[in-house]
Amino acid sequence: MELIAETVMDITSVIINDDSSMVCFEGNVGKYGRVFANHTYIPSTASKNSGKFYGEARTIMEDGTMVSASLQGVFRRDGGKINVLSLDDASNGDQNYVTIEIDLLEKKSTVSVYDAWT
């Protein structure tokens, strides 16, 4: 897999529900320009420290083009940190593997985007 972007995104909100939590992100992500995304985490354990997630992303690229993407994968939480493995399917045909390290206390996430097919 080829690394195509690395960045730090801001966490703009965290929404807590009985059976899930949502985290919203915003930041510049390489060729995708400005990215707005959300993840809904659904725990698979009573301790709520791992499970699956789904989400959506919208990007505004430098030329004004918008790309949308569905996001899905798994997560593992340790204290205030969450590690995410995501497979993203974008409306422009891109399919990416993404690793994310979230620091809830700092409200930052470190994102690495890989082309899933190279």
Protein backbone atom coordinates (compact mmCIF):
# COMPACT_ATOMS: atom_id res chain seq x y z
CA MET A 1 0.00 0.00 0.00
CA GLU A 2 1.18 3.48 -0.85
CA LEU A 3 0.95 6.25 1.76
CA ILE A 4 -0.87 9.17 0.10
CA ALA A 5 -1.46 11.55 3.05
CA GLU A 6 -0.56 12.08 6.70
CA THR A 7 -2.08 14.82 8.80
CA VAL A 8 -3.47 15.88 12.17
CA MET A 9 -7.19 16.61 12.23
CA ASP A 10 -9.15 18.50 14.89
CA ILE A 11 -11.95 16.82 16.82
CA THR A 12 -14.82 19.29 16.62
CA SER A 13 -17.37 17.41 18.74
CA VAL A 14 -18.04 14.22 20.69
CA ILE A 15 -21.63 13.03 21.10
CA ILE A 16 -22.43 10.32 23.63
CA ASN A 17 -25.47 8.01 23.36
CA ASP A 18 -26.56 4.95 25.34
CA ASP A 19 -25.28 2.46 22.80
CA SER A 20 -22.80 4.45 20.69
CA SER A 21 -20.58 7.52 20.54
CA MET A 22 -19.97 9.87 17.62
CA VAL A 23 -16.77 11.82 16.98
CA CYS A 24 -16.63 14.60 14.35
CA PHE A 25 -13.37 15.63 12.63
CA GLU A 26 -12.16 18.48 10.46
CA GLY A 27 -8.82 19.14 8.77
CA ASN A 28 -6.74 19.31 5.61
CA VAL A 29 -5.86 15.88 4.19
CA GLY A 30 -3.44 16.10 1.27
CA LYS A 31 -5.00 15.76 -2.19
CA TYR A 32 -8.49 15.64 -0.65
CA GLY A 33 -8.29 19.23 0.60
CA ARG A 34 -10.55 20.18 3.51
CA VAL A 35 -12.17 17.10 5.03
CA PHE A 36 -15.22 16.97 7.30
CA ALA A 37 -15.94 13.52 8.74
CA ASN A 38 -17.79 11.68 11.47
CA HIS A 39 -17.45 8.25 13.05
CA THR A 40 -20.13 6.44 15.04
CA TYR A 41 -18.53 3.88 17.37
CA ILE A 42 -20.57 0.84 18.40
CA PRO A 43 -18.86 -1.13 21.18
CA SER A 44 -18.85 -4.92 21.15
CA THR A 45 -17.80 -5.34 24.79
CA ALA A 46 -19.32 -4.27 28.13
CA SER A 47 -16.21 -2.17 28.84
CA LYS A 48 -16.81 -0.30 25.55
CA ASN A 49 -13.13 -0.54 24.66
CA SER A 50 -13.48 -2.10 21.20
CA GLY A 51 -15.97 -2.64 18.42
CA LYS A 52 -16.99 -1.49 14.96
CA PHE A 53 -17.67 1.93 13.49
CA TYR A 54 -19.25 3.51 10.47
CA GLY A 55 -19.09 7.07 9.20
CA GLU A 56 -19.25 9.57 6.39
CA ALA A 57 -16.82 12.13 4.98
CA ARG A 58 -17.11 15.10 2.64
CA THR A 59 -14.15 16.89 1.11
CA ILE A 60 -13.76 20.17 -0.69
CA MET A 61 -10.73 19.97 -2.96
CA GLU A 62 -8.70 22.99 -4.11
CA ASP A 63 -10.57 23.14 -7.43
CA GLY A 64 -13.93 23.19 -5.61
CA THR A 65 -14.76 19.55 -6.35
CA MET A 66 -16.63 17.74 -3.59
CA VAL A 67 -15.92 14.07 -2.86
CA SER A 68 -18.04 12.01 -0.48
CA ALA A 69 -17.01 8.74 1.16
CA SER A 70 -18.46 5.99 3.29
CA LEU A 71 -16.21 4.91 6.15
CA GLN A 72 -16.27 1.62 8.04
CA GLY A 73 -13.99 -0.45 10.22
CA VAL A 74 -12.98 -1.34 13.76
CA PHE A 75 -11.69 0.51 16.81
CA ARG A 76 -9.90 -0.17 20.07
CA ARG A 77 -9.93 2.29 23.01
CA ASP A 78 -7.35 2.59 25.78
CA GLY A 79 -8.28 5.33 28.24
CA GLY A 80 -8.68 8.58 26.32
CA LYS A 81 -7.05 7.22 23.16
CA ILE A 82 -8.75 5.37 20.33
CA ASN A 83 -7.01 3.52 17.48
CA VAL A 84 -9.09 3.09 14.33
CA LEU A 85 -8.64 0.93 11.22
CA SER A 86 -10.88 2.15 8.40
CA LEU A 87 -11.74 1.17 4.83
CA ASP A 88 -13.02 4.20 2.91
CA ASP A 89 -14.98 4.09 -0.35
CA ALA A 90 -15.00 7.48 -2.11
CA SER A 91 -17.36 8.82 -4.78
CA ASN A 92 -14.41 9.56 -7.10
CA GLY A 93 -13.50 5.84 -7.21
CA ASP A 94 -10.73 5.97 -4.60
CA GLN A 95 -10.66 3.17 -2.03
CA ASN A 96 -8.35 3.82 0.90
CA TYR A 97 -7.08 2.08 4.02
CA VAL A 98 -6.81 4.60 6.85
CA THR A 99 -5.23 4.38 10.29
CA ILE A 100 -6.26 6.95 12.89
CA GLU A 101 -4.89 7.60 16.36
CA ILE A 102 -7.38 9.71 18.33
CA ASP A 103 -6.51 11.61 21.49
CA LEU A 104 -9.84 12.59 23.02
CA LEU A 105 -8.25 14.70 25.78
CA GLU A 106 -6.21 16.77 23.30
CA LYS A 107 -9.07 16.77 20.73
CA LYS A 108 -6.65 15.78 17.94
CA SER A 109 -6.36 12.79 15.62
CA THR A 110 -3.34 11.64 13.63
CA VAL A 111 -4.46 10.28 10.27
CA SER A 112 -2.52 8.17 7.73
CA VAL A 113 -4.23 7.48 4.38
CA TYR A 114 -3.05 4.66 2.10
CA ASP A 115 -4.17 3.73 -1.40
CA ALA A 116 -5.67 0.30 -0.70
CA TRP A 117 -4.68 -1.12 -4.09
CA THR A 118 -1.05 -0.10 -4.59
